[in-house]
């Protein structure tokens, strides 16, 4: 019997539905049903009764459910005790500049609160450089915008960021309204990262699909100086909302890009689990928790949490 089977069974009983439980657990319904069947086989008894409206526990299932809940509470308490133990060691974490502007300080504060004896090294750099550092084992984990399937990495899709046109307040040619199409930006002077930057490549594809080309007047690969150029009126830019986190937003105007493809994924990428130290494993959990909290609290402009594909329901 596996721990996950207990969690699966409790979720099914709580929801009274295989489909709803599978959706919460991020599983396809058939896989969840298979796990429950395996559990029933191991116990040599029927735990659930299928009805036209869902599933209900049998007498044996009800007794097992009570004990399973108790066991899970004990396990959760043990995990909580382990998390609050005085974990030590060191971990290196890489964040791209725009991501660091929103996530960096809250993550550092959370690590200090939860694991004060862990020595944290933060690296702020472009996503491509962070990927190279991961490959060279110079850092343990990072937020990246592209996955490299050839690498033996652990990859967790974390969130998506909507892109915005950002310009100095009062800049001529800035679009009006809550959103704009890329085609409407063809004449707008843009200050953008250079061609090797992942965001530039994403936007090049989006503009191409619109049948137009952006008007690039300057290329800047540092977020701080890029935003200085925008504030100075050299042009607008297209960035995620996080780009405004370290600037005085009162100096800028921003309009969402309506193209549904103009979305940048944020992936939490780390070395494989067997290469990570306990401190690095803990940091990965904290980074995930903090990012999700910032999004759910509306403190990450334009970001939405990654939603796994909806499970296929059995008929």
Protein backbone atom coordinates (compact mmCIF):
# COMPACT_ATOMS: atom_id res chain seq x y z
CA UNK A 1 0.00 0.00 0.00
CA UNK A 2 1.34 3.42 -0.99
CA UNK A 3 0.81 6.77 0.72
CA UNK A 4 -0.55 8.30 -2.46
CA UNK A 5 -3.27 5.62 -2.56
CA UNK A 6 -4.51 6.79 0.83
CA UNK A 7 -4.63 10.39 -0.40
CA UNK A 8 -6.41 9.32 -3.59
CA UNK A 9 -9.01 7.32 -1.67
CA UNK A 10 -9.71 10.12 0.81
CA UNK A 11 -10.11 12.61 -2.06
CA UNK A 12 -12.61 10.35 -3.85
CA UNK A 13 -14.71 9.92 -0.70
CA UNK A 14 -14.63 13.65 0.03
CA UNK A 15 -15.77 14.55 -3.49
CA UNK A 16 -18.09 11.60 -4.00
CA UNK A 17 -16.84 11.51 -7.58
CA UNK A 18 -13.91 9.98 -9.42
CA UNK A 19 -13.92 12.80 -11.94
CA UNK A 20 -13.89 15.64 -9.41
CA UNK A 21 -11.20 13.94 -7.31
CA UNK A 22 -9.07 13.32 -10.40
CA UNK A 23 -9.35 17.00 -11.36
CA UNK A 24 -8.18 18.10 -7.91
CA UNK A 25 -5.30 15.59 -7.93
CA UNK A 26 -4.19 16.40 -11.48
CA UNK A 27 -4.83 12.86 -12.72
CA UNK A 28 -6.86 11.38 -15.52
CA UNK A 29 -9.92 9.59 -14.21
CA UNK A 30 -8.84 6.21 -15.54
CA UNK A 31 -5.51 6.39 -13.68
CA UNK A 32 -7.26 7.30 -10.43
CA UNK A 33 -9.77 4.48 -10.86
CA UNK A 34 -6.91 2.06 -11.47
CA UNK A 35 -5.18 3.12 -8.24
CA UNK A 36 -8.38 2.64 -6.24
CA UNK A 37 -8.87 -0.80 -7.79
CA UNK A 38 -5.31 -1.74 -6.82
CA UNK A 39 -5.99 -0.61 -3.26
CA UNK A 40 -9.16 -2.70 -3.10
CA UNK A 41 -7.26 -5.70 -4.45
CA UNK A 42 -4.54 -5.32 -1.82
CA UNK A 43 -7.16 -5.15 0.93
CA UNK A 44 -9.28 -7.91 -0.65
CA UNK A 45 -12.43 -5.91 -0.07
CA UNK A 46 -14.65 -3.45 -1.89
CA UNK A 47 -14.17 0.10 -0.58
CA UNK A 48 -16.38 2.09 -2.92
CA UNK A 49 -19.77 1.53 -4.42
CA UNK A 50 -20.38 3.05 -7.83
CA UNK A 51 -23.78 4.73 -8.27
CA UNK A 52 -25.41 6.70 -11.05
CA UNK A 53 -24.52 9.97 -9.28
CA UNK A 54 -20.96 9.09 -8.25
CA UNK A 55 -19.34 6.89 -5.63
CA UNK A 56 -20.04 6.24 -1.95
CA UNK A 57 -17.98 4.26 0.56
CA UNK A 58 -19.06 0.79 1.59
CA UNK A 59 -19.07 -0.09 5.30
CA UNK A 60 -15.51 -1.33 4.90
CA UNK A 61 -14.66 1.81 2.93
CA UNK A 62 -16.07 4.06 5.63
CA UNK A 63 -14.01 2.34 8.32
CA UNK A 64 -10.90 2.52 6.13
CA UNK A 65 -11.58 6.20 5.34
CA UNK A 66 -11.59 7.13 9.04
CA UNK A 67 -8.27 5.41 9.66
CA UNK A 68 -6.78 6.75 6.41
CA UNK A 69 -7.59 10.32 7.46
CA UNK A 70 -5.93 9.72 10.82
CA UNK A 71 -2.84 8.24 9.17
CA UNK A 72 -2.59 11.17 6.75
CA UNK A 73 -2.85 13.67 9.60
CA UNK A 74 -0.01 11.91 11.39
CA UNK A 75 2.09 11.94 8.22
CA UNK A 76 1.36 15.62 7.60
CA UNK A 77 2.34 16.41 11.18
CA UNK A 78 5.59 14.50 10.73
CA UNK A 79 6.31 16.40 7.52
CA UNK A 80 5.59 19.71 9.24
CA UNK A 81 7.98 18.80 12.04
CA UNK A 82 10.66 17.93 9.49
CA UNK A 83 10.16 21.23 7.65
CA UNK A 84 10.64 23.17 10.86
CA UNK A 85 13.74 21.27 11.90
CA UNK A 86 16.99 23.18 11.79
CA UNK A 87 17.91 22.31 8.25
CA UNK A 88 21.34 23.62 7.23
CA UNK A 89 23.51 23.67 4.13
CA UNK A 90 23.56 25.96 1.13
CA UNK A 91 21.62 26.41 -2.09
CA UNK A 92 22.08 28.54 -5.23
CA UNK A 93 18.97 29.91 -6.95
CA UNK A 94 18.81 31.77 -10.28
CA UNK A 95 16.10 34.26 -11.25
CA UNK A 96 15.72 36.32 -14.45
CA UNK A 97 15.60 40.09 -13.80
CA UNK A 98 11.86 40.64 -14.25
CA UNK A 99 11.02 37.57 -12.18
CA UNK A 100 13.51 38.56 -9.49
CA UNK A 101 11.85 41.96 -9.17
CA UNK A 102 8.64 40.30 -7.94
CA UNK A 103 9.79 37.00 -6.48
CA UNK A 104 13.31 37.65 -5.19
CA UNK A 105 12.76 39.42 -1.89
CA UNK A 106 9.63 37.47 -0.79
CA UNK A 107 11.48 34.22 -1.49
CA UNK A 108 14.54 35.31 0.48
CA UNK A 109 12.34 36.39 3.38
CA UNK A 110 10.47 33.08 3.36
CA UNK A 111 13.72 31.10 3.32
CA UNK A 112 15.06 33.15 6.23
CA UNK A 113 11.86 32.51 8.18
CA UNK A 114 11.60 28.79 7.50
CA UNK A 115 15.25 27.75 7.24
CA UNK A 116 17.44 30.35 8.95
CA UNK A 117 20.48 28.05 8.93
CA UNK A 118 20.45 27.55 5.15
CA UNK A 119 22.92 29.80 3.34
CA UNK A 120 21.19 31.17 0.25
CA UNK A 121 23.01 32.39 -2.86
CA UNK A 122 20.90 34.36 -5.35
CA UNK A 123 21.92 34.83 -9.00
CA UNK A 124 20.10 37.33 -11.23
CA UNK A 125 20.74 36.79 -14.93
CA UNK A 126 19.05 36.19 -18.27
CA UNK A 127 17.16 32.92 -18.63
CA UNK A 128 19.59 31.54 -21.22
CA UNK A 129 22.59 32.18 -18.97
CA UNK A 130 20.82 30.57 -16.04
CA UNK A 131 20.20 27.46 -18.15
CA UNK A 132 23.91 27.30 -18.91
CA UNK A 133 24.71 27.66 -15.21
CA UNK A 134 22.34 24.81 -14.41
CA UNK A 135 24.04 22.64 -17.00
CA UNK A 136 27.40 23.49 -15.46
CA UNK A 137 26.10 22.68 -11.94
CA UNK A 138 26.86 26.27 -10.90
CA UNK A 139 23.35 26.71 -9.48
CA UNK A 140 20.81 24.25 -8.11
CA UNK A 141 17.54 25.62 -9.41
CA UNK A 142 16.20 28.52 -11.45
CA UNK A 143 13.15 30.06 -13.06
CA UNK A 144 13.50 29.60 -16.84
CA UNK A 145 11.26 30.51 -19.73
CA UNK A 146 12.13 27.58 -22.00
CA UNK A 147 12.60 23.89 -21.35
CA UNK A 148 15.54 21.97 -22.80
CA UNK A 149 14.30 18.38 -23.14
CA UNK A 150 17.80 17.02 -23.68
CA UNK A 151 18.76 18.00 -20.14
CA UNK A 152 18.16 15.66 -17.21
CA UNK A 153 16.34 18.30 -15.22
CA UNK A 154 13.29 18.40 -13.01
CA UNK A 155 10.80 20.81 -14.62
CA UNK A 156 7.68 22.19 -12.96
CA UNK A 157 5.42 24.54 -15.00
CA UNK A 158 4.72 27.26 -12.46
CA UNK A 159 2.82 30.14 -14.03
CA UNK A 160 2.18 32.16 -17.18
CA UNK A 161 2.76 35.89 -17.58
CA UNK A 162 0.66 38.04 -19.86
CA UNK A 163 2.66 40.60 -21.87
CA UNK A 164 2.05 44.35 -21.87
CA UNK A 165 3.02 47.29 -24.03
CA UNK A 166 4.76 49.68 -21.65
CA UNK A 167 5.63 53.28 -22.44
CA UNK A 168 6.37 56.54 -20.69
CA UNK A 169 3.22 58.32 -19.58
CA UNK A 170 2.05 60.62 -22.37
CA UNK A 171 4.21 58.95 -25.04
CA UNK A 172 2.89 59.61 -28.53
CA UNK A 173 1.56 56.55 -30.32
CA UNK A 174 0.86 54.48 -27.21
CA UNK A 175 -2.30 52.40 -27.69
CA UNK A 176 -5.35 53.22 -25.61
CA UNK A 177 -7.80 50.96 -23.86
CA UNK A 178 -7.32 47.83 -21.80
CA UNK A 179 -5.75 45.76 -24.59
CA UNK A 180 -4.26 46.03 -28.05
CA UNK A 181 -3.37 43.78 -30.95
CA UNK A 182 0.21 43.35 -32.12
CA UNK A 183 -0.82 44.53 -35.58
CA UNK A 184 -1.75 47.90 -34.07
CA UNK A 185 1.84 48.29 -32.81
CA UNK A 186 3.60 48.10 -36.16
CA UNK A 187 4.52 51.80 -36.17
CA UNK A 188 5.33 52.08 -32.47
CA UNK A 189 9.07 52.48 -31.74
CA UNK A 190 10.16 49.65 -29.44
CA UNK A 191 13.11 49.14 -27.13
CA UNK A 192 13.56 45.38 -26.84
CA UNK A 193 16.09 42.75 -25.80
CA UNK A 194 18.37 41.49 -28.56
CA UNK A 195 17.59 38.56 -30.84
CA UNK A 196 19.02 35.87 -28.58
CA UNK A 197 16.58 36.71 -25.78
CA UNK A 198 13.67 34.29 -25.32
CA UNK A 199 11.09 37.08 -25.04
CA UNK A 200 12.27 38.60 -28.32
CA UNK A 201 11.96 35.22 -30.05
CA UNK A 202 8.45 34.74 -28.67
CA UNK A 203 7.33 38.16 -29.89
CA UNK A 204 8.96 37.68 -33.29
CA UNK A 205 6.77 34.61 -33.79
CA UNK A 206 3.67 36.47 -32.60
CA UNK A 207 4.30 39.42 -34.93
CA UNK A 208 4.97 37.06 -37.82
CA UNK A 209 1.64 35.33 -37.22
CA UNK A 210 0.00 38.75 -37.39
CA UNK A 211 1.67 39.40 -40.74
CA UNK A 212 3.66 42.38 -39.52
CA UNK A 213 7.08 43.30 -38.16
CA UNK A 214 7.92 45.29 -35.01
CA UNK A 215 9.76 48.59 -35.30
CA UNK A 216 12.83 48.04 -33.11
CA UNK A 217 14.72 51.28 -32.44
CA UNK A 218 17.09 49.99 -29.74
CA UNK A 219 18.19 46.67 -28.26
CA UNK A 220 18.98 46.44 -24.55
CA UNK A 221 19.72 43.20 -22.67
CA UNK A 222 19.48 44.61 -19.14
CA UNK A 223 16.04 45.22 -17.67
CA UNK A 224 17.04 48.23 -15.56
CA UNK A 225 18.60 50.21 -18.42
CA UNK A 226 15.85 49.06 -20.79
CA UNK A 227 13.22 50.57 -18.50
CA UNK A 228 15.36 53.71 -18.15
CA UNK A 229 15.29 54.03 -21.95
CA UNK A 230 11.53 53.63 -21.99
CA UNK A 231 11.07 56.19 -19.22
CA UNK A 232 13.35 58.54 -21.13
CA UNK A 233 11.04 58.40 -24.15
CA UNK A 234 13.30 56.46 -26.54
CA UNK A 235 10.48 54.03 -27.24
CA UNK A 236 7.98 51.69 -25.68
CA UNK A 237 8.66 48.05 -24.83
CA UNK A 238 6.77 44.78 -24.57
CA UNK A 239 7.38 43.03 -21.27
CA UNK A 240 5.54 41.08 -18.58
CA UNK A 241 3.90 43.17 -15.88
CA UNK A 242 6.70 42.26 -13.47
CA UNK A 243 9.00 44.61 -15.40
CA UNK A 244 7.34 47.53 -13.59
CA UNK A 245 7.99 46.15 -10.11
CA UNK A 246 11.28 47.99 -9.57
CA UNK A 247 10.24 51.26 -11.17
CA UNK A 248 7.83 54.02 -10.26
CA UNK A 249 4.73 52.81 -12.12
CA UNK A 250 3.34 56.36 -12.07
CA UNK A 251 5.85 57.25 -14.82
CA UNK A 252 4.53 54.56 -17.18
CA UNK A 253 1.43 53.49 -19.04
CA UNK A 254 0.76 49.83 -19.83
CA UNK A 255 -1.72 48.10 -22.11
CA UNK A 256 -2.20 44.33 -22.28
CA UNK A 257 -1.35 42.54 -25.53
CA UNK A 258 -4.51 40.78 -26.69
CA UNK A 259 -2.80 37.98 -28.65
CA UNK A 260 -3.35 34.77 -26.60
CA UNK A 261 0.07 33.54 -27.73
CA UNK A 262 1.79 36.57 -26.18
CA UNK A 263 2.21 34.74 -22.90
CA UNK A 264 5.50 33.83 -21.26
CA UNK A 265 5.69 30.59 -19.26
CA UNK A 266 7.69 30.46 -16.05
CA UNK A 267 9.21 27.05 -15.38
CA UNK A 268 10.79 26.04 -12.08
CA UNK A 269 13.78 24.01 -13.24
CA UNK A 270 16.26 22.22 -11.03
CA UNK A 271 18.89 19.55 -11.18
CA UNK A 272 17.48 16.05 -10.86
CA UNK A 273 16.19 15.16 -7.41
CA UNK A 274 19.06 12.77 -6.72
CA UNK A 275 21.54 15.62 -7.27
CA UNK A 276 19.84 18.12 -4.99
CA UNK A 277 20.83 18.56 -1.36
CA UNK A 278 18.12 18.67 1.34
CA UNK A 279 18.57 22.45 1.44
CA UNK A 280 17.98 22.70 -2.32
CA UNK A 281 14.93 20.44 -2.14
CA UNK A 282 13.52 22.65 0.63
CA UNK A 283 14.26 25.82 -1.36
CA UNK A 284 12.40 24.43 -4.36
CA UNK A 285 9.29 23.90 -2.22
CA UNK A 286 9.56 27.39 -0.72
CA UNK A 287 10.03 29.02 -4.13
CA UNK A 288 6.93 27.24 -5.44
CA UNK A 289 4.86 28.24 -2.40
CA UNK A 290 5.92 31.88 -2.54
CA UNK A 291 5.29 32.22 -6.28
CA UNK A 292 1.83 30.71 -5.99
CA UNK A 293 1.00 32.94 -3.03
CA UNK A 294 2.08 36.08 -4.88
CA UNK A 295 -0.11 35.18 -7.86
CA UNK A 296 -3.14 34.21 -5.77
CA UNK A 297 -2.87 37.46 -3.81
CA UNK A 298 -2.68 39.55 -7.00
CA UNK A 299 0.87 40.71 -6.27
CA UNK A 300 2.32 39.42 -9.56
CA UNK A 301 0.89 41.66 -12.33
CA UNK A 302 -0.49 39.75 -15.29
CA UNK A 303 0.45 36.31 -13.91
CA UNK A 304 -1.81 33.27 -13.66
CA UNK A 305 -0.97 29.92 -12.14
CA UNK A 306 -0.27 27.03 -14.48
CA UNK A 307 -3.33 24.87 -14.97
CA UNK A 308 -2.69 21.21 -15.83
CA UNK A 309 -4.75 19.74 -18.67
CA UNK A 310 -8.22 18.75 -17.56
CA UNK A 311 -8.53 15.00 -17.02
CA UNK A 312 -10.52 12.94 -19.51
CA UNK A 313 -13.65 11.64 -17.78
CA UNK A 314 -14.71 8.09 -18.33
CA UNK A 315 -18.12 7.45 -19.84
